[in-house]
Amino acid sequence: MNVLIVYAHPSSTSYNAALKDATIEALLNRGASVKVSDLYAMNFNPVAKMEDTVVPKNLDKVPEDLRLEREKVSWADYIIFQFPMWWTSAPAILKGWFDRVFAANFAYGPGVYNHGNFKGKKAMLSLTTGGRHLGSYGPKGLKGEMKERLFSIQHEILYFSGMDVIEPFIVPSGVSEKERKDYIEQLKYRMAGLEHLSTIPFHVLEDYESGQLKMDSFEKVEVIKI
């Protein structure tokens, strides 16, 4: 099992760093091969130029940082993204990583969604939120549904490129030290059975027509998780 961890937090002493380290430890203990892209430590350039958004036929023109990241993605069976939720989204450096690395003719094109180029790979978000609990999220929550906050990453980036998306691991960062340790143990447990974790049951592309869900597809399941 090859696992790439894409880590996006500027502090090496953060709770996100502890979660990342716990993930590495648990994966190595089960015999997995692990690579890490520590975006801040790498000083990864998140600003995409037009030439970054499409993989050229002449690969000699691909910047070295993109070549290395795409090699890691191609190598990986699983990609785990560890980051803090800032402004109800991912840090800009991670968005820039997607913009530059997941280019056309690499992550997608001509196929998308269940026909994307990363079909067969799996991805998972592991993230922290502010506060002591997740009560601000939900159908009546101040911040809305968490699944809506993550839709642009889970559905429109990861699933768009063909990957199956594992249910996210979400931790409120303001919890007590004991609760933090408990969450770390929960994450280690998830990594021990990574290949058995549930994935989000997104509709396949064939369930849509002109961008709208067909009625018979809509009725196939009562609830489709985002």
Protein backbone atom coordinates (compact mmCIF):
# COMPACT_ATOMS: atom_id res chain seq x y z
CA MET A 1 0.00 0.00 0.00
CA ASN A 2 1.46 3.35 -1.09
CA VAL A 3 0.20 6.40 0.78
CA LEU A 4 0.91 10.05 0.04
CA ILE A 5 0.21 12.57 2.79
CA VAL A 6 -0.25 16.16 1.63
CA TYR A 7 0.24 18.31 4.71
CA ALA A 8 -0.71 21.99 4.77
CA HIS A 9 0.02 23.80 8.03
CA PRO A 10 2.76 26.38 8.66
CA SER A 11 3.65 25.18 12.17
CA SER A 12 5.61 22.02 12.93
CA THR A 13 4.25 22.05 16.49
CA SER A 14 0.57 22.37 15.58
CA TYR A 15 -2.18 19.86 16.32
CA ASN A 16 -2.28 19.21 12.57
CA ALA A 17 1.39 18.25 12.75
CA ALA A 18 0.61 15.81 15.56
CA LEU A 19 -2.21 14.28 13.50
CA LYS A 20 0.09 14.00 10.49
CA ASP A 21 2.79 12.31 12.57
CA ALA A 22 0.24 9.90 14.04
CA THR A 23 -0.94 9.00 10.54
CA ILE A 24 2.62 8.28 9.42
CA GLU A 25 3.29 6.18 12.52
CA ALA A 26 0.15 4.09 12.12
CA LEU A 27 0.72 3.51 8.41
CA LEU A 28 4.36 2.50 8.86
CA ASN A 29 3.38 0.15 11.69
CA ARG A 30 1.07 -1.71 9.31
CA GLY A 31 3.77 -1.96 6.64
CA ALA A 32 2.60 0.75 4.25
CA SER A 33 5.00 2.85 2.19
CA VAL A 34 4.58 6.54 2.97
CA LYS A 35 5.61 9.77 1.28
CA VAL A 36 4.88 13.26 2.59
CA SER A 37 4.47 16.57 0.80
CA ASP A 38 4.87 19.18 3.54
CA LEU A 39 3.76 22.16 1.48
CA TYR A 40 4.94 24.94 3.79
CA ALA A 41 8.29 23.26 4.52
CA MET A 42 8.73 22.79 0.77
CA ASN A 43 7.87 26.45 0.18
CA PHE A 44 5.55 25.15 -2.52
CA ASN A 45 4.51 27.84 -5.01
CA PRO A 46 0.68 27.89 -5.06
CA VAL A 47 0.31 30.45 -7.84
CA ALA A 48 -0.66 28.74 -11.08
CA LYS A 49 0.41 30.10 -14.44
CA MET A 50 -1.59 29.22 -17.53
CA GLU A 51 1.08 26.73 -18.60
CA ASP A 52 0.71 24.90 -15.27
CA THR A 53 -2.96 24.06 -15.80
CA VAL A 54 -2.41 21.69 -18.75
CA VAL A 55 0.31 19.05 -18.96
CA PRO A 56 2.24 19.74 -22.18
CA LYS A 57 3.13 17.04 -24.68
CA ASN A 58 6.78 17.97 -24.21
CA LEU A 59 7.36 16.92 -20.59
CA ASP A 60 10.74 18.69 -20.59
CA LYS A 61 8.74 21.90 -20.17
CA VAL A 62 7.12 20.75 -16.91
CA PRO A 63 8.53 22.60 -13.86
CA GLU A 64 10.54 20.39 -11.51
CA ASP A 65 8.23 20.95 -8.52
CA LEU A 66 5.20 19.77 -10.52
CA ARG A 67 7.05 16.80 -11.95
CA LEU A 68 7.99 15.62 -8.45
CA GLU A 69 4.47 16.08 -7.03
CA ARG A 70 2.85 14.30 -9.97
CA GLU A 71 5.26 11.40 -9.55
CA LYS A 72 4.12 11.08 -5.92
CA VAL A 73 0.45 11.20 -6.91
CA SER A 74 0.98 8.57 -9.63
CA TRP A 75 2.81 6.35 -7.11
CA ALA A 76 0.12 6.60 -4.44
CA ASP A 77 -2.79 4.23 -3.92
CA TYR A 78 -4.17 6.55 -1.23
CA ILE A 79 -3.77 10.30 -0.72
CA ILE A 80 -4.49 11.79 2.70
CA PHE A 81 -4.83 15.55 3.04
CA GLN A 82 -4.07 16.96 6.50
CA PHE A 83 -4.96 20.63 6.99
CA PRO A 84 -6.79 23.18 9.15
CA MET A 85 -10.10 24.58 7.95
CA TRP A 86 -9.53 28.29 7.44
CA TRP A 87 -12.45 30.52 6.42
CA THR A 88 -14.51 27.32 5.99
CA SER A 89 -12.09 26.06 3.34
CA ALA A 90 -8.56 24.72 2.92
CA PRO A 91 -5.44 26.94 3.22
CA ALA A 92 -4.54 28.74 0.01
CA ILE A 93 -1.32 26.75 -0.38
CA LEU A 94 -3.33 23.52 -0.65
CA LYS A 95 -5.77 25.04 -3.14
CA GLY A 96 -2.75 26.16 -5.16
CA TRP A 97 -1.32 22.64 -5.00
CA PHE A 98 -4.53 21.34 -6.57
CA ASP A 99 -4.51 24.13 -9.17
CA ARG A 100 -0.98 23.31 -10.30
CA VAL A 101 -0.64 19.55 -9.72
CA PHE A 102 -4.08 18.30 -10.77
CA ALA A 103 -3.73 19.66 -14.30
CA ALA A 104 -5.65 18.66 -17.42
CA ASN A 105 -4.18 15.57 -19.10
CA PHE A 106 -2.95 14.39 -15.71
CA ALA A 107 -5.81 14.35 -13.19
CA TYR A 108 -8.55 14.45 -15.80
CA GLY A 109 -9.15 14.69 -19.52
CA PRO A 110 -10.88 13.48 -21.47
CA GLY A 111 -12.65 11.56 -18.67
CA VAL A 112 -14.00 13.14 -15.48
CA TYR A 113 -15.73 11.99 -12.27
CA ASN A 114 -16.05 8.18 -12.33
CA HIS A 115 -14.09 8.26 -15.61
CA GLY A 116 -11.31 10.51 -14.29
CA ASN A 117 -7.66 9.59 -14.66
CA PHE A 118 -7.21 8.72 -10.97
CA LYS A 119 -9.84 5.99 -11.00
CA GLY A 120 -8.73 3.23 -8.64
CA LYS A 121 -7.09 5.59 -6.15
CA LYS A 122 -8.66 6.70 -2.87
CA ALA A 123 -8.43 10.00 -1.02
CA MET A 124 -9.33 11.19 2.46
CA LEU A 125 -9.51 14.58 4.14
CA SER A 126 -8.25 14.84 7.73
CA LEU A 127 -8.83 18.33 9.06
CA THR A 128 -9.23 20.48 12.11
CA THR A 129 -11.79 23.21 12.74
CA GLY A 130 -11.77 26.05 15.24
CA GLY A 131 -13.63 25.86 18.55
CA ARG A 132 -14.32 23.11 21.06
CA HIS A 133 -17.02 21.26 19.15
CA LEU A 134 -18.62 20.81 15.73
CA GLY A 135 -21.99 22.17 16.81
CA SER A 136 -21.79 25.19 14.51
CA TYR A 137 -22.10 22.83 11.54
CA GLY A 138 -25.27 21.03 10.52
CA PRO A 139 -28.71 21.71 9.01
CA LYS A 140 -29.38 24.39 11.65
CA GLY A 141 -25.76 25.34 12.28
CA LEU A 142 -24.36 28.85 12.00
CA LYS A 143 -21.76 27.69 9.48
CA GLY A 144 -24.06 25.40 7.49
CA GLU A 145 -23.57 21.75 6.60
CA MET A 146 -19.99 20.48 6.83
CA LYS A 147 -20.60 18.38 3.71
CA GLU A 148 -21.35 21.60 1.82
CA ARG A 149 -18.10 23.18 3.01
CA LEU A 150 -16.13 20.17 1.76
CA PHE A 151 -18.06 19.59 -1.47
CA SER A 152 -15.69 21.66 -3.61
CA ILE A 153 -12.74 19.48 -2.57
CA GLN A 154 -14.33 16.07 -2.13
CA HIS A 155 -16.63 16.09 -5.16
CA GLU A 156 -15.27 18.76 -7.50
CA ILE A 157 -11.56 17.94 -7.16
CA LEU A 158 -11.03 14.45 -5.78
CA TYR A 159 -14.05 12.66 -7.26
CA PHE A 160 -13.84 14.83 -10.40
CA SER A 161 -10.41 13.31 -11.03
CA GLY A 162 -11.75 9.78 -10.58
CA MET A 163 -10.85 8.98 -6.98
CA ASP A 164 -13.08 7.28 -4.46
CA VAL A 165 -13.39 9.59 -1.46
CA ILE A 166 -13.25 8.17 2.06
CA GLU A 167 -15.46 9.76 4.71
CA PRO A 168 -13.48 12.67 6.23
CA PHE A 169 -11.90 12.74 9.68
CA ILE A 170 -12.80 16.03 11.36
CA VAL A 171 -11.49 17.30 14.69
CA PRO A 172 -12.37 20.50 16.60
CA SER A 173 -8.97 21.92 17.54
CA GLY A 174 -10.12 23.66 20.73
CA VAL A 175 -10.68 20.46 22.70
CA SER A 176 -8.79 19.48 25.83
CA GLU A 177 -5.41 17.77 25.75
CA LYS A 178 -7.04 14.47 26.71
CA GLU A 179 -9.59 14.80 23.91
CA ARG A 180 -6.80 15.62 21.46
CA LYS A 181 -5.03 12.41 22.41
CA ASP A 182 -8.28 10.49 22.01
CA TYR A 183 -8.73 11.89 18.49
CA ILE A 184 -5.16 10.91 17.62
CA GLU A 185 -5.88 7.35 18.70
CA GLN A 186 -9.07 7.35 16.62
CA LEU A 187 -7.07 8.47 13.59
CA LYS A 188 -4.49 5.74 14.15
CA TYR A 189 -7.30 3.20 14.32
CA ARG A 190 -8.67 4.46 11.01
CA MET A 191 -5.25 4.14 9.38
CA ALA A 192 -4.94 0.57 10.64
CA GLY A 193 -8.00 -0.32 8.55
CA LEU A 194 -7.65 2.30 5.82
CA GLU A 195 -8.66 0.02 2.97
CA HIS A 196 -11.91 -0.90 4.76
CA LEU A 197 -13.14 2.63 5.50
CA SER A 198 -16.45 3.73 3.98
CA THR A 199 -16.40 5.92 0.90
CA ILE A 200 -18.89 8.63 0.01
CA PRO A 201 -21.53 7.23 -2.42
CA PHE A 202 -21.43 9.93 -5.09
CA HIS A 203 -23.62 9.50 -8.14
CA VAL A 204 -21.80 8.40 -11.29
CA LEU A 205 -21.74 10.70 -14.30
CA GLU A 206 -24.28 8.53 -16.09
CA ASP A 207 -26.88 9.43 -13.48
CA TYR A 208 -26.98 12.99 -14.84
CA GLU A 209 -28.33 14.57 -17.99
CA SER A 210 -27.38 18.15 -18.93
CA GLY A 211 -25.92 18.55 -15.46
CA GLN A 212 -29.14 17.54 -13.69
CA LEU A 213 -29.79 14.31 -11.82
CA LYS A 214 -32.17 12.07 -13.73
CA MET A 215 -35.39 11.29 -11.88
CA ASP A 216 -34.81 7.53 -11.90
CA SER A 217 -31.28 8.09 -10.54
CA PHE A 218 -32.60 10.46 -7.88
CA GLU A 219 -34.98 7.78 -6.68
CA LYS A 220 -32.35 5.01 -6.58
CA VAL A 221 -31.30 5.99 -3.09
CA GLU A 222 -33.15 8.04 -0.52
CA VAL A 223 -30.11 10.09 0.50
CA ILE A 224 -26.85 10.67 -1.29
CA LYS A 225 -24.15 11.97 1.02
CA ILE A 226 -22.11 14.93 -0.14
